[in-house]
Amino acid sequence: MQSFERMKIVVTGGNGFLGRGVLERLRAHGATEIFVPRSCDYNLCHREQVERLYSEQRPEMLIHLAATVGGIGANRVNPGRFFYENMAMGLHVIEEARRYGQLEKLVIVGTTCSYPKYTPTPFHEEELWNGYPEETNAPYGIAKKALLVMSQGYREQYGLLSIYLIPANLYGPGDNFDPESSHVIPALIRKFVHAKETASASVEVWGTGSASREFLYAEDAAEGIVLAALRYEGKEPVNLGTGNEIRIKDLVGQIRELVSYEGEIVWNTALPDGQRRRRLDVQKALQEFGFQAQTDLRTGLAKTIEWYQRTLSGGVGGSPAIGADLTDIRMASATSKPQLKLSEA
């Protein structure tokens, strides 16, 4: 594929945390005809509404970012819902693409939660099927991984061209800072900022701090997705990441320092760490479509903290307590029904 110029592109979840960056990068690469479906118009959990999305919008490319997501707490409380809604959305998006018959390319974004619990680091794409995922994320991870199998089967049987990307844990300005459903970086930023503002003597952090994670700045992830959409046509999954990991204990230290919080850190070891280590092998993305992350973790953390503090003070629009997550289908809390919002005005 040479260009996005004059190509009609649909981006599910396009007004979400990651989606807004993808729209920006698509435009930077020449796209002018982009449509973002709203859940009030097209609920992707319903087959007939996905069919209508294709028939009414007539896309040549669809980038599927939409997902029901949350942190460890939300995953523990909603395993059935996380499996069903992610499976249903992906199932309908792929099947209705086949029935529509005019899609030139389908881009599916998966999750590192699909990797087996004991995958050796760095995670190579070939390891995806060598075991069961970490239990707290398994329903979400397996639903997402099933879409890889479906897309490969549809490529073989029906000639549907699709690609499958696996980004590392995302973070950045505009992330979801809801205390019940946010992922680790926004959750920690929120805790330390509020602890400093209220002069709290301590901040409680889940687990032991010994687990490690790889984090990818959302703007970098968006560029990787758009480069893959433009240049990659292979059937095998591709990791998107930095290739670097950090222990949660060290991450906490960096955020504490950047916020200038001087109180005590209390580790609640009764709560889970999750998977012990996550670090992706990122050579395939570089080789296949020239993607390499540009934002180092400390710089990305500083930008995210600055955005959050400005938002709290009214410097930018939106509420960081209910900010958009990966796709803007998000959990209002770990115990409530997910708000099915594919996009926002």
Protein backbone atom coordinates (compact mmCIF):
# COMPACT_ATOMS: atom_id res chain seq x y z
CA MET A 1 0.00 0.00 0.00
CA GLN A 2 1.54 3.29 -1.11
CA SER A 3 -0.69 5.93 0.46
CA PHE A 4 -3.85 6.63 2.49
CA GLU A 5 -4.79 9.42 0.11
CA ARG A 6 -8.45 9.21 -0.97
CA MET A 7 -8.87 6.00 1.05
CA LYS A 8 -12.01 5.70 3.22
CA ILE A 9 -10.87 4.52 6.66
CA VAL A 10 -13.01 3.51 9.66
CA VAL A 11 -11.33 3.55 13.10
CA THR A 12 -13.30 1.86 15.87
CA GLY A 13 -12.50 3.50 19.20
CA GLY A 14 -11.09 6.42 17.27
CA ASN A 15 -11.91 9.02 19.90
CA GLY A 16 -10.35 7.01 22.70
CA PHE A 17 -6.96 7.39 24.36
CA LEU A 18 -5.03 5.57 21.64
CA GLY A 19 -7.53 6.29 18.90
CA ARG A 20 -7.05 10.04 18.91
CA GLY A 21 -3.35 9.52 18.30
CA VAL A 22 -4.05 7.09 15.47
CA LEU A 23 -6.33 9.65 13.80
CA GLU A 24 -3.60 12.28 14.08
CA ARG A 25 -0.96 9.99 12.58
CA LEU A 26 -3.30 8.85 9.79
CA ARG A 27 -3.82 12.49 8.79
CA ALA A 28 -0.07 13.11 8.97
CA HIS A 29 0.37 10.24 6.51
CA GLY A 30 -2.15 11.69 4.06
CA ALA A 31 -5.54 10.28 5.13
CA THR A 32 -8.45 12.66 4.65
CA GLU A 33 -11.53 10.40 4.72
CA ILE A 34 -11.73 8.96 8.25
CA PHE A 35 -14.90 7.89 10.04
CA VAL A 36 -15.14 7.14 13.78
CA PRO A 37 -18.27 5.19 14.78
CA ARG A 38 -20.12 6.17 17.95
CA SER A 39 -21.65 3.46 20.12
CA CYS A 40 -25.02 5.20 20.05
CA ASP A 41 -25.01 4.70 16.28
CA TYR A 42 -23.06 1.44 15.91
CA ASN A 43 -22.80 -0.94 18.87
CA LEU A 44 -20.11 -3.38 17.79
CA CYS A 45 -21.41 -6.09 20.12
CA HIS A 46 -24.41 -6.49 17.79
CA ARG A 47 -23.84 -8.15 14.43
CA GLU A 48 -26.53 -6.25 12.53
CA GLN A 49 -25.07 -2.91 13.63
CA VAL A 50 -21.60 -3.89 12.45
CA GLU A 51 -23.12 -5.00 9.15
CA ARG A 52 -24.76 -1.58 8.89
CA LEU A 53 -21.46 0.15 9.66
CA TYR A 54 -19.86 -1.50 6.64
CA SER A 55 -22.82 -0.95 4.33
CA GLU A 56 -23.32 2.71 5.25
CA GLN A 57 -19.70 3.85 5.54
CA ARG A 58 -18.20 1.72 2.74
CA PRO A 59 -14.65 1.60 4.16
CA GLU A 60 -11.59 0.44 2.26
CA MET A 61 -9.66 -0.02 5.52
CA LEU A 62 -10.85 -0.65 9.07
CA ILE A 63 -8.60 -0.25 12.13
CA HIS A 64 -10.13 -2.09 15.08
CA LEU A 65 -9.02 -0.51 18.35
CA ALA A 66 -12.28 -0.94 20.26
CA ALA A 67 -12.11 -3.10 23.40
CA THR A 68 -13.56 -3.43 26.87
CA VAL A 69 -10.52 -2.99 29.11
CA GLY A 70 -9.41 -2.27 32.66
CA GLY A 71 -6.70 -2.86 35.21
CA ILE A 72 -6.16 -5.95 37.36
CA GLY A 73 -9.08 -5.11 39.65
CA ALA A 74 -11.57 -4.70 36.81
CA ASN A 75 -10.32 -7.89 35.15
CA ARG A 76 -10.78 -9.87 38.38
CA VAL A 77 -14.36 -8.69 38.86
CA ASN A 78 -15.53 -8.87 35.21
CA PRO A 79 -13.90 -11.91 33.55
CA GLY A 80 -17.05 -13.02 31.73
CA ARG A 81 -17.95 -9.56 30.50
CA PHE A 82 -14.40 -8.85 29.35
CA PHE A 83 -14.34 -12.10 27.38
CA TYR A 84 -17.79 -11.74 25.84
CA GLU A 85 -17.63 -8.11 24.74
CA ASN A 86 -14.14 -8.29 23.26
CA MET A 87 -14.93 -11.56 21.54
CA ALA A 88 -18.26 -10.31 20.20
CA MET A 89 -16.88 -7.07 18.82
CA GLY A 90 -13.97 -8.74 17.07
CA LEU A 91 -16.06 -11.63 15.81
CA HIS A 92 -18.56 -9.30 14.14
CA VAL A 93 -15.91 -6.92 12.77
CA ILE A 94 -14.10 -9.79 11.03
CA GLU A 95 -17.13 -11.74 9.80
CA GLU A 96 -18.93 -8.67 8.51
CA ALA A 97 -15.74 -7.59 6.74
CA ARG A 98 -15.88 -10.93 4.89
CA ARG A 99 -19.54 -10.47 4.00
CA TYR A 100 -18.96 -6.85 2.95
CA GLY A 101 -16.27 -8.04 0.55
CA GLN A 102 -14.75 -4.67 -0.33
CA LEU A 103 -12.30 -4.10 2.52
CA GLU A 104 -8.73 -3.79 1.29
CA LYS A 105 -7.21 -4.21 4.75
CA LEU A 106 -8.26 -4.94 8.33
CA VAL A 107 -5.97 -3.92 11.21
CA ILE A 108 -6.59 -5.65 14.56
CA VAL A 109 -4.90 -4.52 17.76
CA GLY A 110 -4.37 -7.21 20.38
CA THR A 111 -2.80 -7.22 23.85
CA THR A 112 0.29 -8.47 25.70
CA CYS A 113 -2.17 -10.10 28.12
CA SER A 114 -2.49 -12.84 25.49
CA TYR A 115 1.06 -14.07 26.08
CA PRO A 116 1.50 -17.14 28.33
CA LYS A 117 2.10 -16.47 32.01
CA TYR A 118 5.60 -17.95 31.92
CA THR A 119 6.78 -16.62 28.58
CA PRO A 120 10.56 -16.09 28.66
CA THR A 121 11.62 -12.50 28.14
CA PRO A 122 11.82 -10.88 25.74
CA PHE A 123 8.44 -12.07 24.42
CA HIS A 124 8.85 -13.31 20.85
CA GLU A 125 5.71 -13.51 18.71
CA GLU A 126 6.34 -17.24 18.22
CA GLU A 127 5.79 -17.80 21.98
CA LEU A 128 2.15 -16.66 21.87
CA TRP A 129 0.75 -20.21 22.01
CA ASN A 130 3.23 -21.83 24.39
CA GLY A 131 1.06 -21.73 27.51
CA TYR A 132 -1.91 -20.21 29.33
CA PRO A 133 -2.05 -16.44 30.06
CA GLU A 134 -1.71 -14.97 33.54
CA GLU A 135 -4.98 -15.85 35.25
CA THR A 136 -6.23 -12.37 36.15
CA ASN A 137 -6.05 -11.28 32.49
CA ALA A 138 -6.81 -14.60 30.79
CA PRO A 139 -10.43 -14.00 29.66
CA TYR A 140 -9.51 -10.69 28.05
CA GLY A 141 -6.24 -12.02 26.64
CA ILE A 142 -7.76 -15.20 25.19
CA ALA A 143 -10.65 -13.30 23.58
CA LYS A 144 -8.16 -11.02 21.88
CA LYS A 145 -5.90 -13.92 20.84
CA ALA A 146 -8.85 -15.76 19.33
CA LEU A 147 -9.21 -12.88 16.88
CA LEU A 148 -5.73 -13.63 15.57
CA VAL A 149 -6.79 -17.20 14.80
CA MET A 150 -10.00 -16.00 13.19
CA SER A 151 -8.23 -13.41 11.06
CA GLN A 152 -5.64 -15.96 9.88
CA GLY A 153 -8.39 -18.45 9.04
CA TYR A 154 -10.33 -15.84 7.09
CA ARG A 155 -7.20 -14.86 5.20
CA GLU A 156 -6.61 -18.49 4.20
CA GLN A 157 -10.20 -19.37 3.30
CA TYR A 158 -11.69 -16.08 2.09
CA GLY A 159 -8.68 -13.95 1.15
CA LEU A 160 -9.44 -11.29 3.78
CA LEU A 161 -6.23 -9.28 4.23
CA SER A 162 -5.75 -8.53 7.92
CA ILE A 163 -2.82 -7.80 10.19
CA TYR A 164 -2.53 -8.27 13.96
CA LEU A 165 -0.47 -6.03 16.27
CA ILE A 166 0.43 -6.54 19.95
CA PRO A 167 1.30 -3.28 21.76
CA ALA A 168 3.02 -3.11 25.14
CA ASN A 169 1.23 -1.47 28.09
CA LEU A 170 0.22 2.00 26.93
CA TYR A 171 0.34 5.30 28.79
CA GLY A 172 0.33 9.01 28.05
CA PRO A 173 -1.75 12.20 28.18
CA GLY A 174 -5.47 11.47 27.94
CA ASP A 175 -5.18 8.09 29.67
CA ASN A 176 -7.89 6.72 31.96
CA PHE A 177 -7.29 7.96 35.52
CA ASP A 178 -10.40 6.44 37.09
CA PRO A 179 -9.25 4.95 40.43
CA GLU A 180 -11.19 1.69 39.93
CA SER A 181 -10.38 0.88 36.32
CA SER A 182 -7.11 2.57 35.36
CA HIS A 183 -3.90 0.79 34.49
CA VAL A 184 -0.73 1.04 36.54
CA ILE A 185 0.85 4.31 35.35
CA PRO A 186 -2.26 6.54 35.51
CA ALA A 187 -3.26 4.87 38.78
CA LEU A 188 0.12 5.69 40.34
CA ILE A 189 0.21 9.23 38.96
CA ARG A 190 -3.24 9.90 40.37
CA LYS A 191 -2.29 8.52 43.79
CA PHE A 192 0.93 10.53 44.10
CA VAL A 193 -0.51 13.79 42.75
CA HIS A 194 -3.48 13.61 45.11
CA ALA A 195 -1.30 12.54 48.04
CA LYS A 196 0.91 15.58 47.50
CA GLU A 197 -2.05 17.95 47.16
CA THR A 198 -3.67 16.64 50.35
CA ALA A 199 -0.38 16.29 52.26
CA SER A 200 -1.06 12.59 52.84
CA ALA A 201 1.59 10.84 54.93
CA SER A 202 1.67 7.73 52.74
CA VAL A 203 0.65 6.18 49.42
CA GLU A 204 -0.46 2.54 49.17
CA VAL A 205 0.70 0.55 46.16
CA TRP A 206 -0.51 -2.92 45.12
CA GLY A 207 1.78 -5.94 45.36
CA THR A 208 5.47 -6.20 46.15
CA GLY A 209 6.88 -4.00 43.40
CA SER A 210 9.00 -6.88 42.09
CA ALA A 211 7.06 -7.41 38.86
CA SER A 212 8.33 -5.65 35.75
CA ARG A 213 6.52 -4.14 32.80
CA GLU A 214 7.27 -2.57 29.44
CA PHE A 215 5.49 0.69 28.71
CA LEU A 216 4.86 2.30 25.32
CA TYR A 217 3.96 5.97 24.97
CA ALA A 218 0.59 6.22 23.22
CA GLU A 219 1.83 8.58 20.50
CA ASP A 220 4.54 6.07 19.61
CA ALA A 221 2.00 3.23 19.56
CA ALA A 222 -0.21 5.25 17.22
CA GLU A 223 2.69 5.76 14.81
CA GLY A 224 3.47 2.04 14.91
CA ILE A 225 -0.12 1.11 14.10
CA VAL A 226 -0.29 3.54 11.18
CA LEU A 227 3.06 2.40 9.77
CA ALA A 228 1.88 -1.21 9.95
CA ALA A 229 -1.41 -0.30 8.28
CA LEU A 230 0.56 1.32 5.47
CA ARG A 231 3.45 -1.15 5.03
CA TYR A 232 2.76 -4.56 6.62
CA GLU A 233 0.72 -7.32 5.01
CA GLY A 234 1.98 -10.44 6.80
CA LYS A 235 -0.28 -12.96 8.53
CA GLU A 236 1.86 -13.30 11.67
CA PRO A 237 1.40 -11.05 14.74
CA VAL A 238 3.86 -8.24 15.39
CA ASN A 239 4.86 -6.73 18.75
CA LEU A 240 4.90 -2.95 19.23
CA GLY A 241 7.04 -1.75 22.11
CA THR A 242 10.29 -0.25 23.30
CA GLY A 243 12.12 -3.45 24.17
CA ASN A 244 12.79 -2.10 27.68
CA GLU A 245 11.23 -3.09 31.01
CA ILE A 246 11.16 -1.52 34.46
CA ARG A 247 10.35 -2.96 37.87
CA ILE A 248 7.17 -1.54 39.36
CA LYS A 249 9.18 -0.52 42.42
CA ASP A 250 11.47 1.58 40.21
CA LEU A 251 8.50 2.98 38.28
CA VAL A 252 6.96 4.07 41.58
CA GLY A 253 10.21 5.77 42.48
CA GLN A 254 10.33 7.72 39.22
CA ILE A 255 6.72 8.90 39.50
CA ARG A 256 7.23 9.85 43.15
CA GLU A 257 10.29 11.91 42.19
CA LEU A 258 8.60 13.62 39.22
CA VAL A 259 5.59 14.55 41.38
CA SER A 260 7.92 15.66 44.23
CA TYR A 261 6.05 13.61 46.81
CA GLU A 262 7.99 13.12 50.05
CA GLY A 263 5.72 10.79 52.04
CA GLU A 264 5.99 7.06 52.71
CA ILE A 265 5.22 4.27 50.22
CA VAL A 266 3.27 1.34 51.68
CA TRP A 267 3.32 -1.91 49.68
CA ASN A 268 0.12 -3.94 50.06
CA THR A 269 1.53 -7.42 49.49
CA ALA A 270 -1.89 -9.04 49.97
CA LEU A 271 -2.82 -7.78 46.50
CA PRO A 272 -1.49 -9.37 43.30
CA ASP A 273 1.52 -8.36 41.24
CA GLY A 274 0.11 -9.93 38.08
CA GLN A 275 2.45 -11.52 35.56
CA ARG A 276 6.04 -11.48 36.84
CA ARG A 277 7.72 -9.94 33.79
CA ARG A 278 6.69 -8.42 30.47
CA ARG A 279 9.14 -7.26 27.84
CA LEU A 280 8.61 -7.60 24.11
CA ASP A 281 11.04 -8.48 21.37
CA VAL A 282 10.51 -5.57 18.97
CA GLN A 283 12.83 -6.49 16.09
CA LYS A 284 10.06 -7.68 13.79
CA ALA A 285 8.30 -4.29 13.79
CA LEU A 286 11.55 -2.57 12.89
CA GLN A 287 12.34 -5.05 10.13
CA GLU A 288 8.86 -5.31 8.62
CA PHE A 289 7.65 -1.72 8.66
CA GLY A 290 10.36 0.44 10.18
CA PHE A 291 8.80 1.14 13.57
CA GLN A 292 10.97 2.15 16.52
CA ALA A 293 9.60 3.88 19.64
CA GLN A 294 10.97 7.40 20.14
CA THR A 295 9.84 8.40 23.65
CA ASP A 296 11.85 7.25 26.66
CA LEU A 297 9.88 6.37 29.80
CA ARG A 298 10.96 9.31 31.96
CA THR A 299 10.09 11.83 29.27
CA GLY A 300 6.72 10.18 28.70
CA LEU A 301 5.98 10.09 32.43
CA ALA A 302 6.82 13.78 32.78
CA LYS A 303 4.48 14.69 29.91
CA THR A 304 1.69 12.54 31.31
CA ILE A 305 2.02 14.00 34.82
CA GLU A 306 2.07 17.52 33.43
CA TRP A 307 -1.09 16.81 31.41
CA TYR A 308 -2.86 15.34 34.42
CA GLN A 309 -1.98 18.27 36.66
CA ARG A 310 -3.08 20.80 34.04
CA THR A 311 -6.34 18.92 33.56
CA LEU A 312 -7.02 18.94 37.30
CA SER A 313 -6.49 22.68 37.37
CA GLY A 314 -8.81 23.22 34.39
CA GLY A 315 -6.06 23.87 31.88
CA VAL A 316 -7.38 21.34 29.34
CA GLY A 317 -10.78 19.89 28.57
CA GLY A 318 -12.09 16.61 29.95
CA SER A 319 -11.89 14.93 33.32
CA PRO A 320 -8.85 12.81 34.10
CA ALA A 321 -10.88 10.85 36.63
CA ILE A 322 -12.90 9.46 33.76
CA GLY A 323 -10.39 9.90 30.98
CA ALA A 324 -10.42 7.74 27.89
CA ASP A 325 -8.67 4.39 27.94
CA LEU A 326 -7.22 2.38 25.06
CA THR A 327 -10.42 2.50 23.06
CA ASP A 328 -12.84 4.59 25.07
CA ILE A 329 -14.91 1.54 25.95
CA ARG A 330 -14.12 1.61 29.61
CA MET A 331 -15.06 0.45 33.06
CA ALA A 332 -16.74 3.11 35.19
CA SER A 333 -15.64 1.03 38.17
CA ALA A 334 -14.46 -2.48 38.83
CA THR A 335 -17.92 -3.49 40.01
CA SER A 336 -20.19 -1.66 37.57
CA LYS A 337 -21.27 -2.43 34.03
CA PRO A 338 -18.81 -1.12 31.40
CA GLN A 339 -19.84 2.05 29.65
CA LEU A 340 -19.97 0.99 26.02
CA LYS A 341 -18.52 4.12 24.45
CA LEU A 342 -16.71 3.62 21.20
CA SER A 343 -16.12 7.34 20.92
CA GLU A 344 -16.98 10.65 22.46
CA ALA A 345 -18.00 13.96 20.99
